[in-house]
C-alpha atoms as a PDB file:
ATOM      1  CA  UNK A   1      88.430 157.711  48.035  1.00  0.00           C
ATOM      2  CA  UNK A   2      86.792 154.800  48.921  1.00  0.00           C
ATOM      3  CA  UNK A   3      88.303 151.736  49.768  1.00  0.00           C
ATOM      4  CA  UNK A   4      87.540 150.037  46.171  1.00  0.00           C
ATOM      5  CA  UNK A   5      89.174 153.288  44.707  1.00  0.00           C
ATOM      6  CA  UNK A   6      92.266 152.973  46.719  1.00  0.00           C
ATOM      7  CA  UNK A   7      92.523 149.142  46.100  1.00  0.00           C
ATOM      8  CA  UNK A   8      92.011 149.761  42.138  1.00  0.00           C
ATOM      9  CA  UNK A   9      94.422 152.361  42.141  1.00  0.00           C
ATOM     10  CA  UNK A  10      97.187 149.921  44.218  1.00  0.00           C
ATOM     11  CA  UNK A  11      96.168 147.072  41.708  1.00  0.00           C
ATOM     12  CA  UNK A  12      96.752 149.291  38.727  1.00  0.00           C
ATOM     13  CA  UNK A  13     100.303 151.113  40.103  1.00  0.00           C
ATOM     14  CA  UNK A  14     101.655 147.516  41.142  1.00  0.00           C
ATOM     15  CA  UNK A  15     100.681 145.752  37.702  1.00  0.00           C
ATOM     16  CA  UNK A  16     100.702 148.605  35.269  1.00  0.00           C
ATOM     17  CA  UNK A  17      97.118 147.442  34.086  1.00  0.00           C
ATOM     18  CA  UNK A  18      94.438 149.928  32.677  1.00  0.00           C
ATOM     19  CA  UNK A  19      91.553 151.098  34.675  1.00  0.00           C
ATOM     20  CA  UNK A  20      89.128 148.887  32.250  1.00  0.00           C
ATOM     21  CA  UNK A  21      90.747 145.600  33.373  1.00  0.00           C
ATOM     22  CA  UNK A  22      90.443 146.108  37.303  1.00  0.00           C
ATOM     23  CA  UNK A  23      86.679 144.668  37.341  1.00  0.00           C
ATOM     24  CA  UNK A  24      85.326 142.892  40.701  1.00  0.00           C
ATOM     25  CA  UNK A  25      85.659 139.537  39.216  1.00  0.00           C
ATOM     26  CA  UNK A  26      89.101 140.049  37.909  1.00  0.00           C
ATOM     27  CA  UNK A  27      91.462 137.197  38.766  1.00  0.00           C
ATOM     28  CA  UNK A  28      95.125 138.662  39.895  1.00  0.00           C
ATOM     29  CA  UNK A  29      96.359 135.725  38.175  1.00  0.00           C
ATOM     30  CA  UNK A  30      94.621 134.684  35.228  1.00  0.00           C
ATOM     31  CA  UNK A  31      92.861 138.101  34.298  1.00  0.00           C
ATOM     32  CA  UNK A  32      95.442 140.828  35.319  1.00  0.00           C
ATOM     33  CA  UNK A  33      98.683 138.895  34.514  1.00  0.00           C
ATOM     34  CA  UNK A  34     100.359 138.777  38.842  1.00  0.00           C
ATOM     35  CA  UNK A  35     102.725 136.459  39.255  1.00  0.00           C
ATOM     36  CA  UNK A  36     103.709 135.701  42.957  1.00  0.00           C
ATOM     37  CA  UNK A  37     105.896 137.923  43.909  1.00  0.00           C
ATOM     38  CA  UNK A  38     103.235 140.880  42.577  1.00  0.00           C
ATOM     39  CA  UNK A  39     100.578 139.238  44.899  1.00  0.00           C
ATOM     40  CA  UNK A  40     103.334 139.647  47.636  1.00  0.00           C
ATOM     41  CA  UNK A  41     104.076 143.111  47.019  1.00  0.00           C
ATOM     42  CA  UNK A  42      99.604 144.017  46.418  1.00  0.00           C
ATOM     43  CA  UNK A  43      99.230 142.381  49.948  1.00  0.00           C
ATOM     44  CA  UNK A  44     102.026 144.691  51.184  1.00  0.00           C
ATOM     45  CA  UNK A  45     100.645 147.540  49.209  1.00  0.00           C
ATOM     46  CA  UNK A  46      97.369 147.345  50.977  1.00  0.00           C
ATOM     47  CA  UNK A  47      98.781 146.700  54.388  1.00  0.00           C
ATOM     48  CA  UNK A  48     100.826 149.869  54.173  1.00  0.00           C
ATOM     49  CA  UNK A  49      97.919 151.915  52.663  1.00  0.00           C
ATOM     50  CA  UNK A  50      95.066 150.807  55.128  1.00  0.00           C
ATOM     51  CA  UNK A  51      96.753 150.345  58.218  1.00  0.00           C
ATOM     52  CA  UNK A  52      96.337 146.441  58.494  1.00  0.00           C
ATOM     53  CA  UNK A  53      98.273 143.217  58.773  1.00  0.00           C
ATOM     54  CA  UNK A  54      96.886 140.410  56.445  1.00  0.00           C
ATOM     55  CA  UNK A  55      97.868 136.930  57.623  1.00  0.00           C
ATOM     56  CA  UNK A  56      99.354 135.015  55.218  1.00  0.00           C
ATOM     57  CA  UNK A  57      96.370 132.192  55.174  1.00  0.00           C
ATOM     58  CA  UNK A  58      94.220 135.400  54.422  1.00  0.00           C
ATOM     59  CA  UNK A  59      96.282 136.233  51.588  1.00  0.00           C
ATOM     60  CA  UNK A  60      96.263 133.292  49.995  1.00  0.00           C
ATOM     61  CA  UNK A  61      92.229 133.306  49.894  1.00  0.00           C
ATOM     62  CA  UNK A  62      92.659 137.221  48.180  1.00  0.00           C
ATOM     63  CA  UNK A  63      91.866 135.656  44.390  1.00  0.00           C
ATOM     64  CA  UNK A  64      90.381 138.141  43.118  1.00  0.00           C
ATOM     65  CA  UNK A  65      89.977 142.301  43.138  1.00  0.00           C
ATOM     66  CA  UNK A  66      86.492 141.978  44.742  1.00  0.00           C
ATOM     67  CA  UNK A  67      88.335 139.467  47.529  1.00  0.00           C
ATOM     68  CA  UNK A  68      90.444 141.867  48.193  1.00  0.00           C
ATOM     69  CA  UNK A  69      88.122 144.628  48.465  1.00  0.00           C
ATOM     70  CA  UNK A  70      85.688 142.730  50.794  1.00  0.00           C
ATOM     71  CA  UNK A  71      88.613 142.229  53.022  1.00  0.00           C
ATOM     72  CA  UNK A  72      89.833 145.668  53.633  1.00  0.00           C
ATOM     73  CA  UNK A  73      86.214 146.989  54.301  1.00  0.00           C
ATOM     74  CA  UNK A  74      85.394 144.215  57.109  1.00  0.00           C
ATOM     75  CA  UNK A  75      88.991 145.052  58.448  1.00  0.00           C
ATOM     76  CA  UNK A  76      88.237 148.423  58.736  1.00  0.00           C
ATOM     77  CA  UNK A  77      84.105 148.140  60.766  1.00  0.00           C
END
């Protein structure tokens, strides 16, 4: 699985949303209905899945699906 596919799977599992809803431009809060606890759990799940630590100031910048994908890809280079 690619980074994008893994992140989309995490989002679907954590937020209980369908594949169709998880688009790169989708906002976690506005489009996918996440609250602050959901966002924290998403960050923790991504940290565990990819073996990275996401600093709080970086986590606050991850607002959309594409932000998460770009962040994780940048950490794996």
